[in-house]
Amino acid sequence: MTAPLNVTEDQVRALRAGLDALLPDERITQLTEERDELRRTVEYFDAQSRRRRDERDRARRIAVALEQEVAELTRRLSEIPRTEQCGHDDYHDPHPSADQQNVSCPGHSYEDDE
């Protein structure tokens, strides 16, 4: 255990004067204000970072929802029977196989091409 220090009032005054010389009240006030300003700046940028992260997350959720909607609409479109002209001629009725590869047109035959 350490023995208590015996310090005289003169030593205490000298110590306070030395500390005041190193860090006068004005400097302590200035450092405190700078610290508070830095704290506000950090808080501001933290808030901005959170806001940007939230916006990015929201944009990702919207993009996923749009991709799902496009997939659903594409699926629904593919289920609609197609009845365009097959391109062979303008004289037969439209039919669903018009846009399918390697499916022969029921409206004509190769013999018609000769």
N, C-alpha and C. Protein backbone atom coordinates (compact mmCIF):
# COMPACT_ATOMS: atom_id res chain seq x y z
N MET A 1 0.83 -1.16 0.00
CA MET A 1 0.00 0.00 0.00
C MET A 1 0.88 1.24 0.00
N THR A 2 0.46 2.23 -0.74
CA THR A 2 1.26 3.43 -0.87
C THR A 2 0.91 4.41 0.26
N ALA A 3 1.91 5.04 0.76
CA ALA A 3 1.69 6.02 1.83
C ALA A 3 1.09 7.28 1.23
N PRO A 4 0.17 7.95 1.94
CA PRO A 4 -0.43 9.18 1.42
C PRO A 4 0.62 10.26 1.24
N LEU A 5 0.38 11.09 0.20
CA LEU A 5 1.30 12.18 -0.08
C LEU A 5 1.01 13.34 0.86
N ASN A 6 2.03 13.92 1.30
CA ASN A 6 1.88 15.15 2.09
C ASN A 6 2.24 16.30 1.18
N VAL A 7 1.21 17.06 0.78
CA VAL A 7 1.42 18.15 -0.15
C VAL A 7 1.00 19.43 0.56
N THR A 8 1.82 20.42 0.42
CA THR A 8 1.50 21.70 1.05
C THR A 8 0.65 22.53 0.12
N GLU A 9 0.02 23.54 0.67
CA GLU A 9 -0.81 24.44 -0.15
C GLU A 9 0.03 25.12 -1.21
N ASP A 10 1.24 25.47 -0.92
CA ASP A 10 2.11 26.10 -1.90
C ASP A 10 2.39 25.13 -3.07
N GLN A 11 2.58 23.89 -2.77
CA GLN A 11 2.82 22.91 -3.83
C GLN A 11 1.56 22.73 -4.70
N VAL A 12 0.40 22.75 -4.05
CA VAL A 12 -0.86 22.62 -4.80
C VAL A 12 -1.02 23.82 -5.72
N ARG A 13 -0.76 25.03 -5.19
CA ARG A 13 -0.86 26.24 -6.03
C ARG A 13 0.13 26.18 -7.19
N ALA A 14 1.32 25.72 -6.93
CA ALA A 14 2.34 25.63 -7.99
C ALA A 14 1.90 24.61 -9.05
N LEU A 15 1.32 23.51 -8.60
CA LEU A 15 0.84 22.49 -9.53
C LEU A 15 -0.29 23.05 -10.39
N ARG A 16 -1.22 23.75 -9.78
CA ARG A 16 -2.31 24.36 -10.55
C ARG A 16 -1.78 25.39 -11.54
N ALA A 17 -0.83 26.18 -11.12
CA ALA A 17 -0.25 27.19 -12.02
C ALA A 17 0.45 26.52 -13.19
N GLY A 18 1.14 25.41 -12.92
CA GLY A 18 1.80 24.67 -13.99
C GLY A 18 0.79 24.08 -14.97
N LEU A 19 -0.28 23.52 -14.45
CA LEU A 19 -1.34 22.98 -15.32
C LEU A 19 -2.00 24.09 -16.12
N ASP A 20 -2.27 25.22 -15.49
CA ASP A 20 -2.87 26.35 -16.20
C ASP A 20 -1.95 26.86 -17.30
N ALA A 21 -0.65 26.79 -17.08
CA ALA A 21 0.30 27.22 -18.11
C ALA A 21 0.27 26.25 -19.28
N LEU A 22 0.14 24.96 -18.98
CA LEU A 22 0.08 23.97 -20.05
C LEU A 22 -1.26 24.02 -20.80
N LEU A 23 -2.36 24.08 -20.05
CA LEU A 23 -3.70 24.11 -20.65
C LEU A 23 -4.54 25.20 -19.97
N PRO A 24 -4.42 26.42 -20.47
CA PRO A 24 -5.24 27.48 -19.89
C PRO A 24 -6.73 27.21 -20.17
N ASP A 25 -7.60 27.85 -19.42
CA ASP A 25 -9.05 27.65 -19.56
C ASP A 25 -9.51 27.89 -21.00
N GLU A 26 -8.93 28.90 -21.65
CA GLU A 26 -9.33 29.18 -23.04
C GLU A 26 -9.02 28.00 -23.96
N ARG A 27 -7.87 27.37 -23.76
CA ARG A 27 -7.48 26.23 -24.59
C ARG A 27 -8.39 25.03 -24.30
N ILE A 28 -8.70 24.82 -23.03
CA ILE A 28 -9.61 23.73 -22.67
C ILE A 28 -10.97 23.97 -23.31
N THR A 29 -11.46 25.20 -23.28
CA THR A 29 -12.73 25.54 -23.91
C THR A 29 -12.67 25.30 -25.41
N GLN A 30 -11.56 25.74 -26.03
CA GLN A 30 -11.40 25.54 -27.48
C GLN A 30 -11.38 24.05 -27.82
N LEU A 31 -10.63 23.25 -27.08
CA LEU A 31 -10.57 21.81 -27.33
C LEU A 31 -11.93 21.14 -27.13
N THR A 32 -12.67 21.59 -26.14
CA THR A 32 -14.00 21.05 -25.89
C THR A 32 -14.93 21.37 -27.06
N GLU A 33 -14.86 22.61 -27.57
CA GLU A 33 -15.69 23.00 -28.71
C GLU A 33 -15.31 22.21 -29.96
N GLU A 34 -14.01 22.02 -30.19
CA GLU A 34 -13.56 21.23 -31.34
C GLU A 34 -14.04 19.79 -31.23
N ARG A 35 -13.96 19.23 -30.03
CA ARG A 35 -14.43 17.86 -29.82
C ARG A 35 -15.93 17.77 -30.12
N ASP A 36 -16.70 18.74 -29.64
CA ASP A 36 -18.15 18.73 -29.88
C ASP A 36 -18.47 18.87 -31.37
N GLU A 37 -17.71 19.72 -32.06
CA GLU A 37 -17.92 19.90 -33.49
C GLU A 37 -17.58 18.61 -34.25
N LEU A 38 -16.49 17.96 -33.87
CA LEU A 38 -16.13 16.68 -34.50
C LEU A 38 -17.19 15.62 -34.23
N ARG A 39 -17.72 15.60 -33.02
CA ARG A 39 -18.76 14.64 -32.68
C ARG A 39 -20.00 14.87 -33.56
N ARG A 40 -20.40 16.15 -33.74
CA ARG A 40 -21.55 16.46 -34.60
C ARG A 40 -21.28 16.06 -36.04
N THR A 41 -20.06 16.28 -36.52
CA THR A 41 -19.70 15.91 -37.89
C THR A 41 -19.78 14.40 -38.07
N VAL A 42 -19.25 13.65 -37.13
CA VAL A 42 -19.29 12.19 -37.20
C VAL A 42 -20.75 11.71 -37.17
N GLU A 43 -21.56 12.28 -36.29
CA GLU A 43 -22.97 11.91 -36.22
C GLU A 43 -23.69 12.21 -37.54
N TYR A 44 -23.37 13.35 -38.15
CA TYR A 44 -23.98 13.72 -39.44
C TYR A 44 -23.63 12.70 -40.51
N PHE A 45 -22.34 12.36 -40.62
CA PHE A 45 -21.92 11.41 -41.65
C PHE A 45 -22.43 10.00 -41.36
N ASP A 46 -22.55 9.64 -40.09
CA ASP A 46 -23.17 8.35 -39.75
C ASP A 46 -24.62 8.32 -40.22
N ALA A 47 -25.34 9.42 -40.00
CA ALA A 47 -26.73 9.50 -40.43
C ALA A 47 -26.82 9.44 -41.96
N GLN A 48 -25.91 10.13 -42.65
CA GLN A 48 -25.90 10.11 -44.12
C GLN A 48 -25.61 8.70 -44.62
N SER A 49 -24.68 8.03 -43.98
CA SER A 49 -24.33 6.66 -44.38
C SER A 49 -25.52 5.73 -44.18
N ARG A 50 -26.21 5.86 -43.04
CA ARG A 50 -27.40 5.04 -42.79
C ARG A 50 -28.48 5.33 -43.83
N ARG A 51 -28.66 6.62 -44.17
CA ARG A 51 -29.68 6.99 -45.15
C ARG A 51 -29.35 6.39 -46.51
N ARG A 52 -28.09 6.48 -46.93
CA ARG A 52 -27.70 5.90 -48.22
C ARG A 52 -27.84 4.39 -48.23
N ARG A 53 -27.47 3.75 -47.12
CA ARG A 53 -27.62 2.30 -47.02
C ARG A 53 -29.10 1.92 -47.09
N ASP A 54 -29.95 2.67 -46.41
CA ASP A 54 -31.39 2.40 -46.46
C ASP A 54 -31.93 2.60 -47.87
N GLU A 55 -31.47 3.66 -48.56
CA GLU A 55 -31.91 3.90 -49.94
C GLU A 55 -31.45 2.77 -50.86
N ARG A 56 -30.21 2.30 -50.66
CA ARG A 56 -29.67 1.21 -51.47
C ARG A 56 -30.48 -0.07 -51.23
N ASP A 57 -30.79 -0.34 -49.96
CA ASP A 57 -31.59 -1.53 -49.65
C ASP A 57 -32.98 -1.42 -50.27
N ARG A 58 -33.57 -0.25 -50.20
CA ARG A 58 -34.90 -0.03 -50.80
C ARG A 58 -34.84 -0.22 -52.31
N ALA A 59 -33.80 0.31 -52.95
CA ALA A 59 -33.65 0.16 -54.40
C ALA A 59 -33.48 -1.32 -54.77
N ARG A 60 -32.74 -2.07 -53.96
CA ARG A 60 -32.57 -3.50 -54.23
C ARG A 60 -33.91 -4.24 -54.11
N ARG A 61 -34.69 -3.89 -53.08
CA ARG A 61 -36.01 -4.54 -52.93
C ARG A 61 -36.91 -4.22 -54.11
N ILE A 62 -36.88 -2.98 -54.58
CA ILE A 62 -37.69 -2.58 -55.73
C ILE A 62 -37.22 -3.34 -56.97
N ALA A 63 -35.90 -3.44 -57.16
CA ALA A 63 -35.37 -4.15 -58.33
C ALA A 63 -35.79 -5.61 -58.32
N VAL A 64 -35.74 -6.25 -57.16
CA VAL A 64 -36.15 -7.66 -57.07
C VAL A 64 -37.64 -7.79 -57.39
N ALA A 65 -38.45 -6.87 -56.85
CA ALA A 65 -39.89 -6.91 -57.13
C ALA A 65 -40.16 -6.71 -58.61
N LEU A 66 -39.43 -5.79 -59.24
CA LEU A 66 -39.62 -5.56 -60.68
C LEU A 66 -39.19 -6.78 -61.50
N GLU A 67 -38.09 -7.41 -61.12
CA GLU A 67 -37.65 -8.62 -61.82
C GLU A 67 -38.70 -9.72 -61.70
N GLN A 68 -39.28 -9.85 -60.51
CA GLN A 68 -40.32 -10.86 -60.32
C GLN A 68 -41.55 -10.53 -61.16
N GLU A 69 -41.89 -9.26 -61.23
CA GLU A 69 -43.05 -8.85 -62.04
C GLU A 69 -42.80 -9.11 -63.52
N VAL A 70 -41.59 -8.80 -63.99
CA VAL A 70 -41.24 -9.05 -65.39
C VAL A 70 -41.32 -10.56 -65.68
N ALA A 71 -40.82 -11.38 -64.77
CA ALA A 71 -40.87 -12.83 -64.96
C ALA A 71 -42.32 -13.31 -65.02
N GLU A 72 -43.15 -12.80 -64.14
CA GLU A 72 -44.56 -13.19 -64.13
C GLU A 72 -45.26 -12.75 -65.41
N LEU A 73 -45.01 -11.52 -65.84
CA LEU A 73 -45.64 -11.04 -67.07
C LEU A 73 -45.15 -11.82 -68.29
N THR A 74 -43.87 -12.16 -68.31
CA THR A 74 -43.32 -12.96 -69.40
C THR A 74 -43.97 -14.34 -69.42
N ARG A 75 -44.12 -14.94 -68.23
CA ARG A 75 -44.77 -16.24 -68.14
C ARG A 75 -46.21 -16.16 -68.64
N ARG A 76 -46.93 -15.13 -68.20
CA ARG A 76 -48.33 -14.98 -68.62
C ARG A 76 -48.42 -14.73 -70.12
N LEU A 77 -47.48 -13.95 -70.67
CA LEU A 77 -47.48 -13.69 -72.10
C LEU A 77 -47.24 -14.97 -72.89
N SER A 78 -46.37 -15.82 -72.36
CA SER A 78 -46.08 -17.07 -73.08
C SER A 78 -47.28 -18.02 -73.08
N GLU A 79 -48.19 -17.84 -72.13
CA GLU A 79 -49.37 -18.70 -72.06
C GLU A 79 -50.47 -18.26 -73.03
N ILE A 80 -50.38 -17.07 -73.56
CA ILE A 80 -51.39 -16.58 -74.50
C ILE A 80 -51.16 -17.24 -75.85
N PRO A 81 -52.19 -17.86 -76.44
CA PRO A 81 -52.00 -18.49 -77.75
C PRO A 81 -51.66 -17.44 -78.81
N ARG A 82 -50.67 -17.75 -79.60
CA ARG A 82 -50.24 -16.84 -80.66
C ARG A 82 -50.98 -17.20 -81.93
N THR A 83 -51.44 -16.21 -82.65
CA THR A 83 -52.22 -16.47 -83.87
C THR A 83 -51.76 -15.57 -85.00
N GLU A 84 -50.45 -15.31 -85.08
CA GLU A 84 -49.95 -14.49 -86.17
C GLU A 84 -49.87 -15.33 -87.44
N GLN A 85 -49.84 -14.62 -88.56
CA GLN A 85 -49.63 -15.31 -89.84
C GLN A 85 -48.26 -15.97 -89.81
N CYS A 86 -48.15 -17.14 -90.39
CA CYS A 86 -46.88 -17.85 -90.36
C CYS A 86 -45.88 -17.27 -91.36
N GLY A 87 -46.32 -16.47 -92.29
CA GLY A 87 -45.41 -15.88 -93.25
C GLY A 87 -45.37 -16.62 -94.57
N HIS A 88 -46.05 -17.77 -94.67
CA HIS A 88 -46.04 -18.52 -95.94
C HIS A 88 -46.79 -17.75 -97.01
N ASP A 89 -47.97 -17.34 -96.70
CA ASP A 89 -48.74 -16.51 -97.63
C ASP A 89 -49.84 -15.81 -96.86
N ASP A 90 -50.59 -14.99 -97.52
CA ASP A 90 -51.66 -14.24 -96.86
C ASP A 90 -53.02 -14.91 -97.01
N TYR A 91 -53.06 -16.12 -97.48
CA TYR A 91 -54.35 -16.72 -97.83
C TYR A 91 -54.87 -17.74 -96.83
N HIS A 92 -54.09 -18.12 -95.85
CA HIS A 92 -54.65 -19.06 -94.88
C HIS A 92 -54.75 -18.39 -93.51
N ASP A 93 -55.53 -18.96 -92.63
CA ASP A 93 -55.84 -18.37 -91.34
C ASP A 93 -54.61 -18.40 -90.41
N PRO A 94 -54.55 -17.44 -89.48
CA PRO A 94 -53.48 -17.47 -88.48
C PRO A 94 -53.60 -18.74 -87.63
N HIS A 95 -52.49 -19.18 -87.07
CA HIS A 95 -52.50 -20.38 -86.24
C HIS A 95 -51.42 -20.28 -85.18
N PRO A 96 -51.55 -21.01 -84.09
CA PRO A 96 -50.62 -20.91 -82.96
C PRO A 96 -49.20 -21.35 -83.27
N SER A 97 -48.97 -22.18 -84.24
CA SER A 97 -47.62 -22.66 -84.51
C SER A 97 -46.81 -21.68 -85.35
N ALA A 98 -47.36 -20.51 -85.61
CA ALA A 98 -46.69 -19.57 -86.48
C ALA A 98 -45.34 -19.12 -85.94
N ASP A 99 -45.19 -19.02 -84.63
CA ASP A 99 -43.94 -18.51 -84.07
C ASP A 99 -43.07 -19.61 -83.47
N GLN A 100 -43.36 -20.87 -83.74
CA GLN A 100 -42.57 -21.96 -83.19
C GLN A 100 -41.63 -22.52 -84.25
N GLN A 101 -40.38 -22.66 -83.88
CA GLN A 101 -39.41 -23.19 -84.83
C GLN A 101 -39.64 -24.69 -85.03
N ASN A 102 -39.34 -25.16 -86.22
CA ASN A 102 -39.41 -26.57 -86.58
C ASN A 102 -40.81 -27.16 -86.44
N VAL A 103 -41.83 -26.33 -86.49
CA VAL A 103 -43.21 -26.81 -86.50
C VAL A 103 -43.78 -26.43 -87.85
N SER A 104 -44.22 -27.42 -88.56
CA SER A 104 -44.70 -27.12 -89.91
C SER A 104 -46.05 -26.44 -89.85
N CYS A 105 -46.29 -25.61 -90.82
CA CYS A 105 -47.53 -24.84 -90.90
C CYS A 105 -48.65 -25.77 -91.41
N PRO A 106 -49.77 -25.84 -90.67
CA PRO A 106 -50.84 -26.70 -91.13
C PRO A 106 -51.57 -26.12 -92.34
N GLY A 107 -51.25 -24.90 -92.71
CA GLY A 107 -51.95 -24.25 -93.81
C GLY A 107 -51.34 -24.46 -95.15
N HIS A 108 -50.16 -25.09 -95.25
CA HIS A 108 -49.55 -25.32 -96.55
C HIS A 108 -48.62 -26.52 -96.47
N SER A 109 -48.15 -26.95 -97.60
CA SER A 109 -47.22 -28.08 -97.64
C SER A 109 -46.07 -27.67 -98.56
N TYR A 110 -45.01 -28.50 -98.54
CA TYR A 110 -43.88 -28.22 -99.41
C TYR A 110 -44.27 -28.33 -100.89
N GLU A 111 -45.27 -29.11 -101.15
CA GLU A 111 -45.74 -29.27 -102.53
C GLU A 111 -46.27 -27.95 -103.07
N ASP A 112 -46.77 -27.08 -102.16
CA ASP A 112 -47.28 -25.77 -102.60
C ASP A 112 -46.16 -24.87 -103.08
N ASP A 113 -44.95 -25.11 -102.61
CA ASP A 113 -43.81 -24.26 -102.97
C ASP A 113 -43.28 -24.56 -104.36
N GLU A 114 -43.63 -25.68 -104.94
CA GLU A 114 -43.06 -26.08 -106.22
C GLU A 114 -43.77 -25.44 -107.38
